[in-house]
Structure formats: C-alpha cells, structure tokens
Amino acid sequence: MTIADDILDLVKRKQRLRLTALDIAEILYFEDKTYRQRVVANCLMLYEQGSLCRTGTGSLADPFTYSIRRRERAPAK
C-alpha cells in the first residue's frame, strides 16, 4: 500500500473525525517522524484529485483538516 492508500483507509475508518495532516501522520507512523512531510504532500495531492475534502484556513489557529469526500449521486432516470 502507498501512503495515499493508507491515508484514504484511515480517513474512511475515522469518518466522524476531522484530522489534520499531522494527526494522520502520527496515527499512521507514530514511531517514524520522517513521514510527516510525505503525509502532508499526499493529503494535498488527494485533495487536489478530489478524494479528500479540506476545511480550515491552514493557519496555526485553524489548520487544514481532512475528511473523505462524499461522492455526489447521479440523478435517478
């Protein structure tokens, strides 16, 4: 599994939580701090691809938090 797969799996399992990239890195790779920047980069990539939803302003007081993007349903025919 890739880091992006690990992130998506975690965010799907923790749907009620809004997690920052650093929260995600600590949950997935608590022993290895070298993954922090990789997790931040992958969260941004997944957000730009439309897989994750992002809220917050990105400041220290209001960091970006990520959650799974709900897919819009196609209208019934």
PDB file of N, CA and C in Angstrom:
ATOM      1  N   MET A   1       0.840  -1.191   0.000  1.00  0.00           N
ATOM      2  CA  MET A   1       0.000   0.000   0.000  1.00  0.00           C
ATOM      3  C   MET A   1       0.880   1.248   0.000  1.00  0.00           C
ATOM      4  N   THR A   2       0.414   2.259  -0.674  1.00  0.00           N
ATOM      5  CA  THR A   2       1.127   3.534  -0.694  1.00  0.00           C
ATOM      6  C   THR A   2       0.673   4.398   0.472  1.00  0.00           C
ATOM      7  N   ILE A   3       1.381   5.495   0.674  1.00  0.00           N
ATOM      8  CA  ILE A   3       0.997   6.426   1.730  1.00  0.00           C
ATOM      9  C   ILE A   3      -0.411   6.961   1.463  1.00  0.00           C
ATOM     10  N   ALA A   4      -0.707   7.281   0.206  1.00  0.00           N
ATOM     11  CA  ALA A   4      -2.035   7.790  -0.145  1.00  0.00           C
ATOM     12  C   ALA A   4      -3.120   6.760   0.193  1.00  0.00           C
ATOM     13  N   ASP A   5      -2.847   5.486  -0.085  1.00  0.00           N
ATOM     14  CA  ASP A   5      -3.807   4.428   0.256  1.00  0.00           C
ATOM     15  C   ASP A   5      -4.016   4.344   1.763  1.00  0.00           C
ATOM     16  N   ASP A   6      -2.920   4.448   2.512  1.00  0.00           N
ATOM     17  CA  ASP A   6      -3.019   4.422   3.979  1.00  0.00           C
ATOM     18  C   ASP A   6      -3.854   5.593   4.496  1.00  0.00           C
ATOM     19  N   ILE A   7      -3.658   6.769   3.911  1.00  0.00           N
ATOM     20  CA  ILE A   7      -4.408   7.962   4.328  1.00  0.00           C
ATOM     21  C   ILE A   7      -5.890   7.775   4.042  1.00  0.00           C
ATOM     22  N   LEU A   8      -6.219   7.347   2.841  1.00  0.00           N
ATOM     23  CA  LEU A   8      -7.625   7.150   2.483  1.00  0.00           C
ATOM     24  C   LEU A   8      -8.286   6.096   3.365  1.00  0.00           C
ATOM     25  N   ASP A   9      -7.571   5.014   3.643  1.00  0.00           N
ATOM     26  CA  ASP A   9      -8.114   3.968   4.501  1.00  0.00           C
ATOM     27  C   ASP A   9      -8.392   4.510   5.906  1.00  0.00           C
ATOM     28  N   LEU A  10      -7.459   5.268   6.458  1.00  0.00           N
ATOM     29  CA  LEU A  10      -7.642   5.834   7.794  1.00  0.00           C
ATOM     30  C   LEU A  10      -8.812   6.811   7.833  1.00  0.00           C
ATOM     31  N   VAL A  11      -8.868   7.705   6.862  1.00  0.00           N
ATOM     32  CA  VAL A  11      -9.918   8.729   6.851  1.00  0.00           C
ATOM     33  C   VAL A  11     -11.297   8.088   6.643  1.00  0.00           C
ATOM     34  N   LYS A  12     -11.362   7.015   5.876  1.00  0.00           N
ATOM     35  CA  LYS A  12     -12.632   6.293   5.713  1.00  0.00           C
ATOM     36  C   LYS A  12     -13.074   5.654   7.018  1.00  0.00           C
ATOM     37  N   ARG A  13     -12.110   5.094   7.769  1.00  0.00           N
ATOM     38  CA  ARG A  13     -12.442   4.441   9.040  1.00  0.00           C
ATOM     39  C   ARG A  13     -12.791   5.444  10.128  1.00  0.00           C
ATOM     40  N   LYS A  14     -12.243   6.647  10.058  1.00  0.00           N
ATOM     41  CA  LYS A  14     -12.460   7.672  11.087  1.00  0.00           C
ATOM     42  C   LYS A  14     -13.322   8.802  10.538  1.00  0.00           C
ATOM     43  N   GLN A  15     -14.434   8.474   9.922  1.00  0.00           N
ATOM     44  CA  GLN A  15     -15.258   9.453   9.223  1.00  0.00           C
ATOM     45  C   GLN A  15     -15.795  10.554  10.121  1.00  0.00           C
ATOM     46  N   ARG A  16     -15.981  10.278  11.386  1.00  0.00           N
ATOM     47  CA  ARG A  16     -16.542  11.296  12.279  1.00  0.00           C
ATOM     48  C   ARG A  16     -15.508  12.321  12.711  1.00  0.00           C
ATOM     49  N   LEU A  17     -14.238  12.030  12.486  1.00  0.00           N
ATOM     50  CA  LEU A  17     -13.174  12.934  12.907  1.00  0.00           C
ATOM     51  C   LEU A  17     -12.703  13.796  11.757  1.00  0.00           C
ATOM     52  N   ARG A  18     -12.302  14.995  12.079  1.00  0.00           N
ATOM     53  CA  ARG A  18     -11.626  15.865  11.117  1.00  0.00           C
ATOM     54  C   ARG A  18     -10.167  15.880  11.535  1.00  0.00           C
ATOM     55  N   LEU A  19      -9.326  15.276  10.734  1.00  0.00           N
ATOM     56  CA  LEU A  19      -7.927  15.090  11.087  1.00  0.00           C
ATOM     57  C   LEU A  19      -7.023  16.027  10.301  1.00  0.00           C
ATOM     58  N   THR A  20      -6.035  16.611  10.975  1.00  0.00           N
ATOM     59  CA  THR A  20      -5.018  17.384  10.269  1.00  0.00           C
ATOM     60  C   THR A  20      -4.020  16.397   9.671  1.00  0.00           C
ATOM     61  N   ALA A  21      -3.188  16.875   8.759  1.00  0.00           N
ATOM     62  CA  ALA A  21      -2.170  16.009   8.163  1.00  0.00           C
ATOM     63  C   ALA A  21      -1.216  15.489   9.228  1.00  0.00           C
ATOM     64  N   LEU A  22      -0.893  16.321  10.216  1.00  0.00           N
ATOM     65  CA  LEU A  22      -0.004  15.872  11.284  1.00  0.00           C
ATOM     66  C   LEU A  22      -0.677  14.827  12.163  1.00  0.00           C
ATOM     67  N   ASP A  23      -1.984  14.956  12.394  1.00  0.00           N
ATOM     68  CA  ASP A  23      -2.730  13.921  13.125  1.00  0.00           C
ATOM     69  C   ASP A  23      -2.644  12.597  12.374  1.00  0.00           C
ATOM     70  N   ILE A  24      -2.858  12.662  11.070  1.00  0.00           N
ATOM     71  CA  ILE A  24      -2.814  11.458  10.240  1.00  0.00           C
ATOM     72  C   ILE A  24      -1.425  10.826  10.300  1.00  0.00           C
ATOM     73  N   ALA A  25      -0.387  11.647  10.194  1.00  0.00           N
ATOM     74  CA  ALA A  25       0.985  11.130  10.244  1.00  0.00           C
ATOM     75  C   ALA A  25       1.275  10.468  11.587  1.00  0.00           C
ATOM     76  N   GLU A  26       0.817  11.069  12.665  1.00  0.00           N
ATOM     77  CA  GLU A  26       1.061  10.494  13.986  1.00  0.00           C
ATOM     78  C   GLU A  26       0.305   9.186  14.189  1.00  0.00           C
ATOM     79  N   ILE A  27      -0.910   9.094  13.666  1.00  0.00           N
ATOM     80  CA  ILE A  27      -1.689   7.860  13.804  1.00  0.00           C
ATOM     81  C   ILE A  27      -1.059   6.735  12.976  1.00  0.00           C
ATOM     82  N   LEU A  28      -0.662   7.049  11.749  1.00  0.00           N
ATOM     83  CA  LEU A  28      -0.138   6.017  10.857  1.00  0.00           C
ATOM     84  C   LEU A  28       1.313   5.652  11.142  1.00  0.00           C
ATOM     85  N   TYR A  29       2.121   6.639  11.434  1.00  0.00           N
ATOM     86  CA  TYR A  29       3.575   6.434  11.524  1.00  0.00           C
ATOM     87  C   TYR A  29       4.129   7.056  12.802  1.00  0.00           C
ATOM     88  N   PHE A  30       3.541   6.744  13.955  1.00  0.00           N
ATOM     89  CA  PHE A  30       3.894   7.410  15.206  1.00  0.00           C
ATOM     90  C   PHE A  30       5.357   7.255  15.580  1.00  0.00           C
ATOM     91  N   GLU A  31       5.988   6.183  15.205  1.00  0.00           N
ATOM     92  CA  GLU A  31       7.398   5.973  15.535  1.00  0.00           C
ATOM     93  C   GLU A  31       8.332   6.715  14.580  1.00  0.00           C
ATOM     94  N   ASP A  32       7.922   6.906  13.347  1.00  0.00           N
ATOM     95  CA  ASP A  32       8.806   7.440  12.315  1.00  0.00           C
ATOM     96  C   ASP A  32       8.360   8.844  11.907  1.00  0.00           C
ATOM     97  N   LYS A  33       9.052   9.847  12.422  1.00  0.00           N
ATOM     98  CA  LYS A  33       8.690  11.251  12.155  1.00  0.00           C
ATOM     99  C   LYS A  33       9.053  11.692  10.734  1.00  0.00           C
ATOM    100  N   THR A  34       9.827  10.885  10.004  1.00  0.00           N
ATOM    101  CA  THR A  34      10.224  11.275   8.655  1.00  0.00           C
ATOM    102  C   THR A  34       9.056  11.250   7.671  1.00  0.00           C
ATOM    103  N   TYR A  35       7.949  10.626   8.055  1.00  0.00           N
ATOM    104  CA  TYR A  35       6.795  10.541   7.164  1.00  0.00           C
ATOM    105  C   TYR A  35       5.926  11.798   7.180  1.00  0.00           C
ATOM    106  N   ARG A  36       6.163  12.717   8.084  1.00  0.00           N
ATOM    107  CA  ARG A  36       5.285  13.890   8.207  1.00  0.00           C
ATOM    108  C   ARG A  36       5.142  14.657   6.902  1.00  0.00           C
ATOM    109  N   GLN A  37       6.244  15.025   6.281  1.00  0.00           N
ATOM    110  CA  GLN A  37       6.170  15.804   5.039  1.00  0.00           C
ATOM    111  C   GLN A  37       5.536  14.996   3.917  1.00  0.00           C
ATOM    112  N   ARG A  38       5.782  13.707   3.896  1.00  0.00           N
ATOM    113  CA  ARG A  38       5.166  12.859   2.864  1.00  0.00           C
ATOM    114  C   ARG A  38       3.656  12.809   3.034  1.00  0.00           C
ATOM    115  N   VAL A  39       3.204  12.726   4.280  1.00  0.00           N
ATOM    116  CA  VAL A  39       1.768  12.695   4.550  1.00  0.00           C
ATOM    117  C   VAL A  39       1.141  14.029   4.167  1.00  0.00           C
ATOM    118  N   VAL A  40       1.791  15.143   4.509  1.00  0.00           N
ATOM    119  CA  VAL A  40       1.276  16.470   4.145  1.00  0.00           C
ATOM    120  C   VAL A  40       1.156  16.573   2.627  1.00  0.00           C
ATOM    121  N   ALA A  41       2.193  16.151   1.907  1.00  0.00           N
ATOM    122  CA  ALA A  41       2.177  16.217   0.440  1.00  0.00           C
ATOM    123  C   ALA A  41       1.088  15.316  -0.143  1.00  0.00           C
ATOM    124  N   ASN A  42       0.913  14.132   0.421  1.00  0.00           N
ATOM    125  CA  ASN A  42      -0.110  13.216  -0.083  1.00  0.00           C
ATOM    126  C   ASN A  42      -1.515  13.705   0.227  1.00  0.00           C
ATOM    127  N   CYS A  43      -1.717  14.337   1.382  1.00  0.00           N
ATOM    128  CA  CYS A  43      -3.030  14.923   1.684  1.00  0.00           C
ATOM    129  C   CYS A  43      -3.375  16.003   0.669  1.00  0.00           C
ATOM    130  N   LEU A  44      -2.411  16.843   0.340  1.00  0.00           N
ATOM    131  CA  LEU A  44      -2.633  17.884  -0.666  1.00  0.00           C
ATOM    132  C   LEU A  44      -2.958  17.263  -2.022  1.00  0.00           C
ATOM    133  N   MET A  45      -2.208  16.232  -2.403  1.00  0.00           N
ATOM    134  CA  MET A  45      -2.441  15.568  -3.682  1.00  0.00           C
ATOM    135  C   MET A  45      -3.851  14.959  -3.722  1.00  0.00           C
ATOM    136  N   LEU A  46      -4.252  14.281  -2.647  1.00  0.00           N
ATOM    137  CA  LEU A  46      -5.584  13.663  -2.599  1.00  0.00           C
ATOM    138  C   LEU A  46      -6.684  14.718  -2.610  1.00  0.00           C
ATOM    139  N   TYR A  47      -6.429  15.857  -1.981  1.00  0.00           N
ATOM    140  CA  TYR A  47      -7.396  16.958  -2.009  1.00  0.00           C
ATOM    141  C   TYR A  47      -7.532  17.502  -3.437  1.00  0.00           C
ATOM    142  N   GLU A  48      -6.412  17.700  -4.100  1.00  0.00           N
ATOM    143  CA  GLU A  48      -6.448  18.232  -5.472  1.00  0.00           C
ATOM    144  C   GLU A  48      -7.086  17.246  -6.445  1.00  0.00           C
ATOM    145  N   GLN A  49      -6.969  15.956  -6.167  1.00  0.00           N
ATOM    146  CA  GLN A  49      -7.592  14.939  -7.018  1.00  0.00           C
ATOM    147  C   GLN A  49      -9.087  14.784  -6.731  1.00  0.00           C
ATOM    148  N   GLY A  50      -9.549  15.360  -5.618  1.00  0.00           N
ATOM    149  CA  GLY A  50     -10.959  15.268  -5.276  1.00  0.00           C
ATOM    150  C   GLY A  50     -11.312  14.095  -4.380  1.00  0.00           C
ATOM    151  N   SER A  51     -10.311  13.408  -3.848  1.00  0.00           N
ATOM    152  CA  SER A  51     -10.585  12.271  -2.968  1.00  0.00           C
ATOM    153  C   SER A  51     -10.849  12.695  -1.531  1.00  0.00           C
ATOM    154  N   LEU A  52     -10.246  13.807  -1.108  1.00  0.00           N
ATOM    155  CA  LEU A  52     -10.435  14.316   0.246  1.00  0.00           C
ATOM    156  C   LEU A  52     -11.075  15.690   0.212  1.00  0.00           C
ATOM    157  N   CYS A  53     -11.794  15.989   1.257  1.00  0.00           N
ATOM    158  CA  CYS A  53     -12.385  17.306   1.466  1.00  0.00           C
ATOM    159  C   CYS A  53     -11.516  18.015   2.504  1.00  0.00           C
ATOM    160  N   ARG A  54     -11.286  19.312   2.321  1.00  0.00           N
ATOM    161  CA  ARG A  54     -10.426  20.056   3.236  1.00  0.00           C
ATOM    162  C   ARG A  54     -11.168  21.268   3.777  1.00  0.00           C
ATOM    163  N   THR A  55     -11.065  21.469   5.088  1.00  0.00           N
ATOM    164  CA  THR A  55     -11.630  22.652   5.714  1.00  0.00           C
ATOM    165  C   THR A  55     -10.536  23.334   6.519  1.00  0.00           C
ATOM    166  N   GLY A  56     -10.781  24.573   6.905  1.00  0.00           N
ATOM    167  CA  GLY A  56      -9.797  25.338   7.657  1.00  0.00           C
ATOM    168  C   GLY A  56      -9.075  26.309   6.748  1.00  0.00           C
ATOM    169  N   THR A  57      -8.295  27.189   7.376  1.00  0.00           N
ATOM    170  CA  THR A  57      -7.568  28.207   6.609  1.00  0.00           C
ATOM    171  C   THR A  57      -6.096  27.875   6.437  1.00  0.00           C
ATOM    172  N   GLY A  58      -5.618  26.875   7.148  1.00  0.00           N
ATOM    173  CA  GLY A  58      -4.219  26.499   7.045  1.00  0.00           C
ATOM    174  C   GLY A  58      -3.319  27.254   8.012  1.00  0.00           C
ATOM    175  N   SER A  59      -3.909  28.053   8.899  1.00  0.00           N
ATOM    176  CA  SER A  59      -3.106  28.785   9.876  1.00  0.00           C
ATOM    177  C   SER A  59      -2.920  27.925  11.133  1.00  0.00           C
ATOM    178  N   LEU A  60      -2.063  28.378  12.030  1.00  0.00           N
ATOM    179  CA  LEU A  60      -1.872  27.643  13.279  1.00  0.00           C
ATOM    180  C   LEU A  60      -3.153  27.582  14.101  1.00  0.00           C
ATOM    181  N   ALA A  61      -3.930  28.664  14.070  1.00  0.00           N
ATOM    182  CA  ALA A  61      -5.178  28.710  14.833  1.00  0.00           C
ATOM    183  C   ALA A  61      -6.293  27.887  14.185  1.00  0.00           C
ATOM    184  N   ASP A  62      -6.230  27.712  12.866  1.00  0.00           N
ATOM    185  CA  ASP A  62      -7.271  26.987  12.128  1.00  0.00           C
ATOM    186  C   ASP A  62      -6.613  26.132  11.042  1.00  0.00           C
ATOM    187  N   PRO A  63      -5.958  25.027  11.436  1.00  0.00           N
ATOM    188  CA  PRO A  63      -5.232  24.210  10.453  1.00  0.00           C
ATOM    189  C   PRO A  63      -6.183  23.500   9.494  1.00  0.00           C
ATOM    190  N   PHE A  64      -5.646  23.118   8.336  1.00  0.00           N
ATOM    191  CA  PHE A  64      -6.431  22.322   7.403  1.00  0.00           C
ATOM    192  C   PHE A  64      -6.782  20.994   8.063  1.00  0.00           C
ATOM    193  N   THR A  65      -8.032  20.592   7.947  1.00  0.00           N
ATOM    194  CA  THR A  65      -8.456  19.271   8.395  1.00  0.00           C
ATOM    195  C   THR A  65      -9.042  18.539   7.200  1.00  0.00           C
ATOM    196  N   TYR A  66      -8.854  17.241   7.188  1.00  0.00           N
ATOM    197  CA  TYR A  66      -9.246  16.431   6.040  1.00  0.00           C
ATOM    198  C   TYR A  66     -10.302  15.412   6.425  1.00  0.00           C
ATOM    199  N   SER A  67     -11.197  15.176   5.500  1.00  0.00           N
ATOM    200  CA  SER A  67     -12.211  14.139   5.652  1.00  0.00           C
ATOM    201  C   SER A  67     -12.471  13.559   4.271  1.00  0.00           C
ATOM    202  N   ILE A  68     -13.134  12.431   4.247  1.00  0.00           N
ATOM    203  CA  ILE A  68     -13.415  11.778   2.966  1.00  0.00           C
ATOM    204  C   ILE A  68     -14.472  12.589   2.222  1.00  0.00           C
ATOM    205  N   ARG A  69     -14.275  12.764   0.948  1.00  0.00           N
ATOM    206  CA  ARG A  69     -15.243  13.495   0.126  1.00  0.00           C
ATOM    207  C   ARG A  69     -16.389  12.561  -0.210  1.00  0.00           C
ATOM    208  N   ARG A  70     -17.574  13.029   0.041  1.00  0.00           N
ATOM    209  CA  ARG A  70     -18.752  12.242  -0.320  1.00  0.00           C
ATOM    210  C   ARG A  70     -19.019  12.434  -1.806  1.00  0.00           C
ATOM    211  N   ARG A  71     -19.133  11.346  -2.473  1.00  0.00           N
ATOM    212  CA  ARG A  71     -19.413  11.386  -3.915  1.00  0.00           C
ATOM    213  C   ARG A  71     -20.865  11.787  -4.128  1.00  0.00           C
ATOM    214  N   GLU A  72     -21.075  12.690  -5.060  1.00  0.00           N
ATOM    215  CA  GLU A  72     -22.444  13.074  -5.380  1.00  0.00           C
ATOM    216  C   GLU A  72     -23.090  11.968  -6.194  1.00  0.00           C
ATOM    217  N   ARG A  73     -24.301  11.672  -5.853  1.00  0.00           N
ATOM    218  CA  ARG A  73     -25.019  10.618  -6.557  1.00  0.00           C
ATOM    219  C   ARG A  73     -25.529  11.141  -7.880  1.00  0.00           C
ATOM    220  N   ALA A  74     -25.520  10.252  -8.857  1.00  0.00           N
ATOM    221  CA  ALA A  74     -26.076  10.599 -10.166  1.00  0.00           C
ATOM    222  C   ALA A  74     -27.584  10.661 -10.041  1.00  0.00           C
ATOM    223  N   PRO A  75     -28.232  11.602 -10.711  1.00  0.00           N
ATOM    224  CA  PRO A  75     -29.687  11.687 -10.632  1.00  0.00           C
ATOM    225  C   PRO A  75     -30.348  10.440 -11.197  1.00  0.00           C
ATOM    226  N   ALA A  76     -31.438  10.036 -10.554  1.00  0.00           N
ATOM    227  CA  ALA A  76     -32.180   8.847 -10.997  1.00  0.00           C
ATOM    228  C   ALA A  76     -32.870   9.148 -12.321  1.00  0.00           C
ATOM    229  N   LYS A  77     -32.889   8.151 -13.186  1.00  0.00           N
ATOM    230  CA  LYS A  77     -33.522   8.319 -14.505  1.00  0.00           C
ATOM    231  C   LYS A  77     -34.914   7.772 -14.503  1.00  0.00           C
TER     232      LYS A  77
END
